[in-house]
All heavy atoms as atom14 arrays in JSON, in Angstrom:
{
  "sequence": "IRDGGQIVNVTSATTRAATAGVAPYAAFKGGLEVLTRYMAKEF",
  "atom14_mask": [
    [1, 1, 1, 1, 1, 1, 1, 1, 0, 0, 0, 0, 0, 0],
    [1, 1, 1, 1, 1, 1, 1, 1, 1, 1, 1, 0, 0, 0],
    [1, 1, 1, 1, 1, 1, 1, 1, 0, 0, 0, 0, 0, 0],
    [1, 1, 1, 1, 0, 0, 0, 0, 0, 0, 0, 0, 0, 0],
    [1, 1, 1, 1, 0, 0, 0, 0, 0, 0, 0, 0, 0, 0],
    [1, 1, 1, 1, 1, 1, 1, 1, 1, 0, 0, 0, 0, 0],
    [1, 1, 1, 1, 1, 1, 1, 1, 0, 0, 0, 0, 0, 0],
    [1, 1, 1, 1, 1, 1, 1, 0, 0, 0, 0, 0, 0, 0],
    [1, 1, 1, 1, 1, 1, 1, 1, 0, 0, 0, 0, 0, 0],
    [1, 1, 1, 1, 1, 1, 1, 0, 0, 0, 0, 0, 0, 0],
    [1, 1, 1, 1, 1, 1, 1, 0, 0, 0, 0, 0, 0, 0],
    [1, 1, 1, 1, 1, 1, 0, 0, 0, 0, 0, 0, 0, 0],
    [1, 1, 1, 1, 1, 0, 0, 0, 0, 0, 0, 0, 0, 0],
    [1, 1, 1, 1, 1, 1, 1, 0, 0, 0, 0, 0, 0, 0],
    [1, 1, 1, 1, 1, 1, 1, 0, 0, 0, 0, 0, 0, 0],
    [1, 1, 1, 1, 1, 1, 1, 1, 1, 1, 1, 0, 0, 0],
    [1, 1, 1, 1, 1, 0, 0, 0, 0, 0, 0, 0, 0, 0],
    [1, 1, 1, 1, 1, 0, 0, 0, 0, 0, 0, 0, 0, 0],
    [1, 1, 1, 1, 1, 1, 1, 0, 0, 0, 0, 0, 0, 0],
    [1, 1, 1, 1, 1, 0, 0, 0, 0, 0, 0, 0, 0, 0],
    [1, 1, 1, 1, 0, 0, 0, 0, 0, 0, 0, 0, 0, 0],
    [1, 1, 1, 1, 1, 1, 1, 0, 0, 0, 0, 0, 0, 0],
    [1, 1, 1, 1, 1, 0, 0, 0, 0, 0, 0, 0, 0, 0],
    [1, 1, 1, 1, 1, 1, 1, 0, 0, 0, 0, 0, 0, 0],
    [1, 1, 1, 1, 1, 1, 1, 1, 1, 1, 1, 1, 0, 0],
    [1, 1, 1, 1, 1, 0, 0, 0, 0, 0, 0, 0, 0, 0],
    [1, 1, 1, 1, 1, 0, 0, 0, 0, 0, 0, 0, 0, 0],
    [1, 1, 1, 1, 1, 1, 1, 1, 1, 1, 1, 0, 0, 0],
    [1, 1, 1, 1, 1, 1, 1, 1, 1, 0, 0, 0, 0, 0],
    [1, 1, 1, 1, 0, 0, 0, 0, 0, 0, 0, 0, 0, 0],
    [1, 1, 1, 1, 0, 0, 0, 0, 0, 0, 0, 0, 0, 0],
    [1, 1, 1, 1, 1, 1, 1, 1, 0, 0, 0, 0, 0, 0],
    [1, 1, 1, 1, 1, 1, 1, 1, 1, 0, 0, 0, 0, 0],
    [1, 1, 1, 1, 1, 1, 1, 0, 0, 0, 0, 0, 0, 0],
    [1, 1, 1, 1, 1, 1, 1, 1, 0, 0, 0, 0, 0, 0],
    [1, 1, 1, 1, 1, 1, 1, 0, 0, 0, 0, 0, 0, 0],
    [1, 1, 1, 1, 1, 1, 1, 1, 1, 1, 1, 0, 0, 0],
    [1, 1, 1, 1, 1, 1, 1, 1, 1, 1, 1, 1, 0, 0],
    [1, 1, 1, 1, 1, 1, 1, 1, 0, 0, 0, 0, 0, 0],
    [1, 1, 1, 1, 1, 0, 0, 0, 0, 0, 0, 0, 0, 0],
    [1, 1, 1, 1, 1, 1, 1, 1, 1, 0, 0, 0, 0, 0],
    [1, 1, 1, 1, 1, 1, 1, 1, 1, 0, 0, 0, 0, 0],
    [1, 1, 1, 1, 1, 1, 1, 1, 1, 1, 1, 0, 0, 0]
  ],
  "atom14_positions": [
    [[7.12, -10.19, -1.87], [8.26, -9.54, -1.24], [8.28, -9.76, 0.2], [7.36, -9.64, 0.9], [8.17, -8.04, -1.51], [8.14, -7.73, -2.99], [9.37, -7.27, -0.88], [7.89, -6.2, -3.33], [0.0, 0.0, 0.0], [0.0, 0.0, 0.0], [0.0, 0.0, 0.0], [0.0, 0.0, 0.0], [0.0, 0.0, 0.0], [0.0, 0.0, 0.0]],
    [[9.47, -10.28, 0.69], [9.52, -10.57, 2.07], [9.5, -9.36, 2.97], [9.8, -8.19, 2.57], [10.85, -11.28, 2.43], [12.13, -10.46, 2.41], [13.26, -11.14, 2.97], [14.41, -10.23, 3.03], [14.8, -9.35, 3.96], [13.9, -9.19, 4.94], [15.83, -8.67, 3.79], [0.0, 0.0, 0.0], [0.0, 0.0, 0.0], [0.0, 0.0, 0.0]],
    [[8.96, -9.49, 4.2], [9.02, -8.34, 5.11], [10.43, -7.87, 5.32], [11.32, -8.72, 5.51], [8.36, -8.75, 6.47], [6.81, -8.89, 6.35], [6.23, -8.67, 5.22], [6.22, -9.32, 7.38], [0.0, 0.0, 0.0], [0.0, 0.0, 0.0], [0.0, 0.0, 0.0], [0.0, 0.0, 0.0], [0.0, 0.0, 0.0], [0.0, 0.0, 0.0]],
    [[10.63, -6.57, 5.34], [12.01, -6.06, 5.5], [12.73, -5.97, 4.08], [13.93, -5.68, 4.08], [0.0, 0.0, 0.0], [0.0, 0.0, 0.0], [0.0, 0.0, 0.0], [0.0, 0.0, 0.0], [0.0, 0.0, 0.0], [0.0, 0.0, 0.0], [0.0, 0.0, 0.0], [0.0, 0.0, 0.0], [0.0, 0.0, 0.0], [0.0, 0.0, 0.0]],
    [[12.05, -6.12, 2.98], [12.66, -6.17, 1.68], [12.88, -4.69, 1.21], [12.63, -3.75, 1.88], [0.0, 0.0, 0.0], [0.0, 0.0, 0.0], [0.0, 0.0, 0.0], [0.0, 0.0, 0.0], [0.0, 0.0, 0.0], [0.0, 0.0, 0.0], [0.0, 0.0, 0.0], [0.0, 0.0, 0.0], [0.0, 0.0, 0.0], [0.0, 0.0, 0.0]],
    [[13.31, -4.63, -0.06], [13.69, -3.3, -0.65], [13.05, -3.17, -2.11], [12.93, -4.07, -2.8], [15.17, -3.1, -0.81], [15.97, -3.1, 0.49], [16.48, -4.48, 0.86], [16.36, -5.44, 0.09], [17.05, -4.6, 2.08], [0.0, 0.0, 0.0], [0.0, 0.0, 0.0], [0.0, 0.0, 0.0], [0.0, 0.0, 0.0], [0.0, 0.0, 0.0]],
    [[12.59, -1.96, -2.32], [12.16, -1.52, -3.67], [12.99, -0.41, -4.11], [13.18, 0.61, -3.36], [10.65, -1.16, -3.69], [9.76, -2.34, -3.21], [10.25, -0.63, -5.06], [8.32, -1.96, -3.02], [0.0, 0.0, 0.0], [0.0, 0.0, 0.0], [0.0, 0.0, 0.0], [0.0, 0.0, 0.0], [0.0, 0.0, 0.0], [0.0, 0.0, 0.0]],
    [[13.54, -0.43, -5.27], [14.27, 0.66, -5.86], [13.68, 1.0, -7.21], [13.58, 0.11, -8.13], [15.75, 0.33, -6.1], [16.51, 1.48, -6.7], [16.42, -0.05, -4.78], [0.0, 0.0, 0.0], [0.0, 0.0, 0.0], [0.0, 0.0, 0.0], [0.0, 0.0, 0.0], [0.0, 0.0, 0.0], [0.0, 0.0, 0.0], [0.0, 0.0, 0.0]],
    [[13.23, 2.28, -7.37], [12.58, 2.73, -8.59], [13.64, 3.55, -9.32], [14.16, 4.53, -8.77], [11.35, 3.5, -8.31], [10.28, 2.68, -7.7], [10.04, 1.55, -8.15], [9.52, 3.21, -6.75], [0.0, 0.0, 0.0], [0.0, 0.0, 0.0], [0.0, 0.0, 0.0], [0.0, 0.0, 0.0], [0.0, 0.0, 0.0], [0.0, 0.0, 0.0]],
    [[13.94, 3.33, -10.62], [14.87, 4.05, -11.34], [14.16, 5.28, -12.04], [13.27, 5.07, -12.87], [15.58, 3.24, -12.37], [16.54, 4.07, -13.18], [16.36, 2.08, -11.67], [0.0, 0.0, 0.0], [0.0, 0.0, 0.0], [0.0, 0.0, 0.0], [0.0, 0.0, 0.0], [0.0, 0.0, 0.0], [0.0, 0.0, 0.0], [0.0, 0.0, 0.0]],
    [[14.51, 6.47, -11.7], [13.89, 7.64, -12.19], [14.89, 8.39, -13.11], [15.47, 7.75, -13.94], [13.37, 8.59, -11.04], [14.45, 8.97, -10.18], [12.31, 7.79, -10.3], [0.0, 0.0, 0.0], [0.0, 0.0, 0.0], [0.0, 0.0, 0.0], [0.0, 0.0, 0.0], [0.0, 0.0, 0.0], [0.0, 0.0, 0.0], [0.0, 0.0, 0.0]],
    [[15.01, 9.65, -12.97], [15.86, 10.45, -13.91], [16.19, 11.81, -13.39], [15.33, 12.47, -12.76], [15.27, 10.55, -15.34], [15.94, 11.41, -16.12], [0.0, 0.0, 0.0], [0.0, 0.0, 0.0], [0.0, 0.0, 0.0], [0.0, 0.0, 0.0], [0.0, 0.0, 0.0], [0.0, 0.0, 0.0], [0.0, 0.0, 0.0], [0.0, 0.0, 0.0]],
    [[17.37, 12.28, -13.62], [17.78, 13.68, -13.34], [16.9, 14.72, -14.04], [16.97, 15.82, -13.71], [19.33, 13.89, -13.52], [0.0, 0.0, 0.0], [0.0, 0.0, 0.0], [0.0, 0.0, 0.0], [0.0, 0.0, 0.0], [0.0, 0.0, 0.0], [0.0, 0.0, 0.0], [0.0, 0.0, 0.0], [0.0, 0.0, 0.0], [0.0, 0.0, 0.0]],
    [[16.34, 14.27, -15.14], [15.52, 15.22, -15.89], [14.22, 15.72, -15.07], [13.59, 16.61, -15.49], [14.97, 14.56, -17.18], [14.25, 13.36, -16.95], [16.16, 14.28, -18.15], [0.0, 0.0, 0.0], [0.0, 0.0, 0.0], [0.0, 0.0, 0.0], [0.0, 0.0, 0.0], [0.0, 0.0, 0.0], [0.0, 0.0, 0.0], [0.0, 0.0, 0.0]],
    [[13.97, 15.02, -13.99], [12.87, 15.53, -13.11], [13.28, 16.77, -12.39], [12.49, 17.57, -11.91], [12.49, 14.47, -12.1], [13.49, 14.24, -11.15], [12.05, 13.13, -12.76], [0.0, 0.0, 0.0], [0.0, 0.0, 0.0], [0.0, 0.0, 0.0], [0.0, 0.0, 0.0], [0.0, 0.0, 0.0], [0.0, 0.0, 0.0], [0.0, 0.0, 0.0]],
    [[14.61, 17.01, -12.25], [15.16, 18.22, -11.56], [15.63, 19.25, -12.56], [15.31, 20.4, -12.38], [16.3, 17.79, -10.6], [17.02, 19.0, -9.97], [18.29, 18.54, -9.22], [19.27, 17.91, -10.08], [20.14, 18.6, -10.86], [20.13, 19.91, -10.91], [21.0, 17.89, -11.48], [0.0, 0.0, 0.0], [0.0, 0.0, 0.0], [0.0, 0.0, 0.0]],
    [[16.36, 18.78, -13.53], [16.95, 19.72, -14.54], [16.27, 19.54, -15.8], [16.41, 18.58, -16.58], [18.47, 19.41, -14.73], [0.0, 0.0, 0.0], [0.0, 0.0, 0.0], [0.0, 0.0, 0.0], [0.0, 0.0, 0.0], [0.0, 0.0, 0.0], [0.0, 0.0, 0.0], [0.0, 0.0, 0.0], [0.0, 0.0, 0.0], [0.0, 0.0, 0.0]],
    [[15.31, 20.49, -16.07], [14.45, 20.49, -17.29], [15.26, 20.42, -18.56], [16.19, 21.29, -18.72], [13.53, 21.66, -17.31], [0.0, 0.0, 0.0], [0.0, 0.0, 0.0], [0.0, 0.0, 0.0], [0.0, 0.0, 0.0], [0.0, 0.0, 0.0], [0.0, 0.0, 0.0], [0.0, 0.0, 0.0], [0.0, 0.0, 0.0], [0.0, 0.0, 0.0]],
    [[15.02, 19.46, -19.44], [15.68, 19.28, -20.7], [14.66, 19.28, -21.83], [13.78, 18.37, -21.81], [16.48, 17.94, -20.71], [17.36, 17.95, -19.62], [17.26, 17.86, -22.03], [0.0, 0.0, 0.0], [0.0, 0.0, 0.0], [0.0, 0.0, 0.0], [0.0, 0.0, 0.0], [0.0, 0.0, 0.0], [0.0, 0.0, 0.0], [0.0, 0.0, 0.0]],
    [[14.69, 20.32, -22.65], [13.6, 20.35, -23.75], [13.65, 19.08, -24.53], [14.68, 18.51, -24.9], [14.0, 21.57, -24.63], [0.0, 0.0, 0.0], [0.0, 0.0, 0.0], [0.0, 0.0, 0.0], [0.0, 0.0, 0.0], [0.0, 0.0, 0.0], [0.0, 0.0, 0.0], [0.0, 0.0, 0.0], [0.0, 0.0, 0.0], [0.0, 0.0, 0.0]],
    [[12.37, 18.61, -24.87], [12.25, 17.39, -25.66], [11.95, 16.13, -24.96], [11.69, 15.13, -25.59], [0.0, 0.0, 0.0], [0.0, 0.0, 0.0], [0.0, 0.0, 0.0], [0.0, 0.0, 0.0], [0.0, 0.0, 0.0], [0.0, 0.0, 0.0], [0.0, 0.0, 0.0], [0.0, 0.0, 0.0], [0.0, 0.0, 0.0], [0.0, 0.0, 0.0]],
    [[11.98, 16.14, -23.65], [11.72, 14.93, -22.86], [10.58, 15.1, -21.76], [10.62, 14.43, -20.78], [13.0, 14.34, -22.19], [14.02, 13.93, -23.23], [13.56, 15.32, -21.21], [0.0, 0.0, 0.0], [0.0, 0.0, 0.0], [0.0, 0.0, 0.0], [0.0, 0.0, 0.0], [0.0, 0.0, 0.0], [0.0, 0.0, 0.0], [0.0, 0.0, 0.0]],
    [[9.66, 16.01, -22.06], [8.68, 16.36, -21.07], [7.88, 15.17, -20.61], [7.68, 15.0, -19.39], [7.8, 17.46, -21.61], [0.0, 0.0, 0.0], [0.0, 0.0, 0.0], [0.0, 0.0, 0.0], [0.0, 0.0, 0.0], [0.0, 0.0, 0.0], [0.0, 0.0, 0.0], [0.0, 0.0, 0.0], [0.0, 0.0, 0.0], [0.0, 0.0, 0.0]],
    [[7.27, 14.34, -21.51], [6.43, 13.22, -20.97], [7.22, 12.24, -20.15], [6.87, 11.82, -19.03], [5.91, 12.56, -22.27], [5.99, 13.58, -23.24], [7.2, 14.39, -22.91], [0.0, 0.0, 0.0], [0.0, 0.0, 0.0], [0.0, 0.0, 0.0], [0.0, 0.0, 0.0], [0.0, 0.0, 0.0], [0.0, 0.0, 0.0], [0.0, 0.0, 0.0]],
    [[8.5, 11.9, -20.67], [9.45, 10.98, -19.92], [9.68, 11.53, -18.56], [9.6, 10.83, -17.49], [10.65, 10.85, -20.67], [11.84, 10.14, -20.05], [11.81, 8.73, -20.07], [12.76, 10.8, -19.36], [12.94, 8.0, -19.41], [13.84, 10.14, -18.77], [13.89, 8.71, -18.85], [14.94, 8.03, -18.28], [0.0, 0.0, 0.0], [0.0, 0.0, 0.0]],
    [[10.09, 12.84, -18.41], [10.42, 13.42, -17.21], [9.32, 13.5, -16.3], [9.39, 13.34, -15.07], [11.08, 14.81, -17.39], [0.0, 0.0, 0.0], [0.0, 0.0, 0.0], [0.0, 0.0, 0.0], [0.0, 0.0, 0.0], [0.0, 0.0, 0.0], [0.0, 0.0, 0.0], [0.0, 0.0, 0.0], [0.0, 0.0, 0.0], [0.0, 0.0, 0.0]],
    [[8.1, 13.85, -16.84], [6.93, 14.0, -15.98], [6.57, 12.66, -15.32], [6.17, 12.59, -14.14], [5.72, 14.48, -16.86], [0.0, 0.0, 0.0], [0.0, 0.0, 0.0], [0.0, 0.0, 0.0], [0.0, 0.0, 0.0], [0.0, 0.0, 0.0], [0.0, 0.0, 0.0], [0.0, 0.0, 0.0], [0.0, 0.0, 0.0], [0.0, 0.0, 0.0]],
    [[6.64, 11.55, -16.08], [6.31, 10.24, -15.51], [7.34, 9.78, -14.59], [7.06, 9.04, -13.58], [6.03, 9.23, -16.65], [4.9, 9.65, -17.54], [5.01, 9.59, -18.88], [3.71, 10.27, -16.97], [3.96, 9.98, -19.73], [2.73, 10.69, -17.8], [2.81, 10.53, -19.22], [0.0, 0.0, 0.0], [0.0, 0.0, 0.0], [0.0, 0.0, 0.0]],
    [[8.62, 10.08, -14.84], [9.7, 9.76, -13.88], [9.49, 10.53, -12.54], [9.71, 10.09, -11.5], [11.1, 10.06, -14.41], [11.53, 9.05, -15.47], [11.64, 7.71, -15.03], [12.39, 6.8, -16.0], [12.57, 5.39, -15.46], [0.0, 0.0, 0.0], [0.0, 0.0, 0.0], [0.0, 0.0, 0.0], [0.0, 0.0, 0.0], [0.0, 0.0, 0.0]],
    [[9.01, 11.82, -12.7], [8.69, 12.59, -11.5], [7.52, 11.96, -10.75], [7.56, 11.96, -9.5], [0.0, 0.0, 0.0], [0.0, 0.0, 0.0], [0.0, 0.0, 0.0], [0.0, 0.0, 0.0], [0.0, 0.0, 0.0], [0.0, 0.0, 0.0], [0.0, 0.0, 0.0], [0.0, 0.0, 0.0], [0.0, 0.0, 0.0], [0.0, 0.0, 0.0]],
    [[6.57, 11.39, -11.44], [5.47, 10.73, -10.78], [5.97, 9.45, -10.01], [5.48, 9.11, -8.96], [0.0, 0.0, 0.0], [0.0, 0.0, 0.0], [0.0, 0.0, 0.0], [0.0, 0.0, 0.0], [0.0, 0.0, 0.0], [0.0, 0.0, 0.0], [0.0, 0.0, 0.0], [0.0, 0.0, 0.0], [0.0, 0.0, 0.0], [0.0, 0.0, 0.0]],
    [[6.94, 8.79, -10.59], [7.51, 7.6, -10.04], [8.31, 8.01, -8.79], [8.3, 7.25, -7.76], [8.48, 6.89, -10.96], [9.02, 5.57, -10.57], [7.9, 4.58, -10.17], [9.92, 4.98, -11.66], [0.0, 0.0, 0.0], [0.0, 0.0, 0.0], [0.0, 0.0, 0.0], [0.0, 0.0, 0.0], [0.0, 0.0, 0.0], [0.0, 0.0, 0.0]],
    [[8.94, 9.17, -8.71], [9.56, 9.64, -7.53], [8.55, 9.81, -6.34], [8.82, 9.47, -5.22], [10.39, 10.89, -7.76], [11.63, 10.76, -8.51], [12.41, 12.02, -8.58], [11.97, 13.07, -7.94], [13.47, 12.08, -9.18], [0.0, 0.0, 0.0], [0.0, 0.0, 0.0], [0.0, 0.0, 0.0], [0.0, 0.0, 0.0], [0.0, 0.0, 0.0]],
    [[7.41, 10.45, -6.71], [6.34, 10.63, -5.74], [5.83, 9.27, -5.23], [5.56, 9.05, -4.03], [5.22, 11.52, -6.25], [4.04, 11.57, -5.32], [5.74, 12.99, -6.58], [0.0, 0.0, 0.0], [0.0, 0.0, 0.0], [0.0, 0.0, 0.0], [0.0, 0.0, 0.0], [0.0, 0.0, 0.0], [0.0, 0.0, 0.0], [0.0, 0.0, 0.0]],
    [[5.58, 8.39, -6.17], [5.06, 7.06, -5.84], [6.03, 6.33, -4.91], [5.56, 5.61, -3.99], [4.9, 6.27, -7.15], [4.37, 4.79, -6.97], [3.07, 4.75, -6.25], [4.31, 4.06, -8.33], [0.0, 0.0, 0.0], [0.0, 0.0, 0.0], [0.0, 0.0, 0.0], [0.0, 0.0, 0.0], [0.0, 0.0, 0.0], [0.0, 0.0, 0.0]],
    [[7.33, 6.56, -5.08], [8.34, 5.94, -4.24], [8.08, 6.35, -2.78], [8.11, 5.44, -1.86], [9.76, 6.39, -4.59], [10.02, 5.93, -5.95], [10.72, 5.74, -3.75], [0.0, 0.0, 0.0], [0.0, 0.0, 0.0], [0.0, 0.0, 0.0], [0.0, 0.0, 0.0], [0.0, 0.0, 0.0], [0.0, 0.0, 0.0], [0.0, 0.0, 0.0]],
    [[7.8, 7.56, -2.48], [7.54, 8.02, -1.13], [6.28, 7.4, -0.56], [6.18, 6.99, 0.62], [7.49, 9.52, -1.04], [8.79, 10.18, -1.34], [8.8, 11.67, -0.95], [7.93, 12.49, -1.74], [8.28, 13.06, -2.96], [9.39, 12.82, -3.44], [7.43, 13.82, -3.55], [0.0, 0.0, 0.0], [0.0, 0.0, 0.0], [0.0, 0.0, 0.0]],
    [[5.29, 7.31, -1.43], [4.07, 6.61, -1.02], [4.23, 5.11, -0.67], [3.57, 4.55, 0.19], [2.91, 6.83, -1.98], [2.21, 8.17, -1.76], [2.86, 9.38, -2.3], [1.1, 8.23, -0.95], [2.24, 10.57, -2.02], [0.48, 9.5, -0.76], [1.02, 10.62, -1.32], [0.42, 11.87, -1.09], [0.0, 0.0, 0.0], [0.0, 0.0, 0.0]],
    [[5.03, 4.49, -1.5], [5.38, 3.05, -1.22], [6.0, 2.94, 0.12], [5.75, 2.03, 0.93], [6.31, 2.53, -2.37], [5.68, 2.35, -3.68], [6.82, 1.65, -4.88], [5.85, 1.31, -6.28], [0.0, 0.0, 0.0], [0.0, 0.0, 0.0], [0.0, 0.0, 0.0], [0.0, 0.0, 0.0], [0.0, 0.0, 0.0], [0.0, 0.0, 0.0]],
    [[7.01, 3.77, 0.36], [7.66, 3.77, 1.65], [6.72, 3.91, 2.81], [6.79, 3.26, 3.92], [8.8, 4.82, 1.74], [0.0, 0.0, 0.0], [0.0, 0.0, 0.0], [0.0, 0.0, 0.0], [0.0, 0.0, 0.0], [0.0, 0.0, 0.0], [0.0, 0.0, 0.0], [0.0, 0.0, 0.0], [0.0, 0.0, 0.0], [0.0, 0.0, 0.0]],
    [[5.76, 4.86, 2.65], [4.74, 5.15, 3.67], [3.81, 3.93, 3.86], [3.62, 3.51, 5.04], [3.97, 6.36, 3.26], [2.88, 6.78, 4.25], [3.63, 7.46, 5.44], [2.52, 8.16, 6.34], [3.16, 8.79, 7.48], [0.0, 0.0, 0.0], [0.0, 0.0, 0.0], [0.0, 0.0, 0.0], [0.0, 0.0, 0.0], [0.0, 0.0, 0.0]],
    [[3.28, 3.44, 2.77], [2.26, 2.37, 2.9], [2.75, 1.04, 3.21], [2.11, 0.18, 3.8], [1.45, 2.38, 1.63], [0.63, 3.65, 1.44], [-0.46, 3.48, 0.34], [-0.73, 2.32, -0.06], [-1.03, 4.52, -0.08], [0.0, 0.0, 0.0], [0.0, 0.0, 0.0], [0.0, 0.0, 0.0], [0.0, 0.0, 0.0], [0.0, 0.0, 0.0]],
    [[4.08, 0.74, 2.8], [4.7, -0.6, 2.98], [5.52, -0.58, 4.26], [6.09, -1.58, 4.63], [5.58, -1.01, 1.84], [4.76, -0.98, 0.52], [5.53, -0.9, -0.62], [3.47, -1.13, 0.46], [4.89, -0.95, -1.83], [2.74, -1.08, -0.77], [3.52, -0.98, -1.92], [0.0, 0.0, 0.0], [0.0, 0.0, 0.0], [0.0, 0.0, 0.0]]
  ]
}
């Protein structure tokens, strides 16, 4: 990835609005949202 590049992680609105039946999916998408901030920090 070139310096000054971009990363976009596709997550889900289910991380904000709980929807019964998709708990693992939403939990891991929530983890990806947190990871996104750490990517921004470390890169």
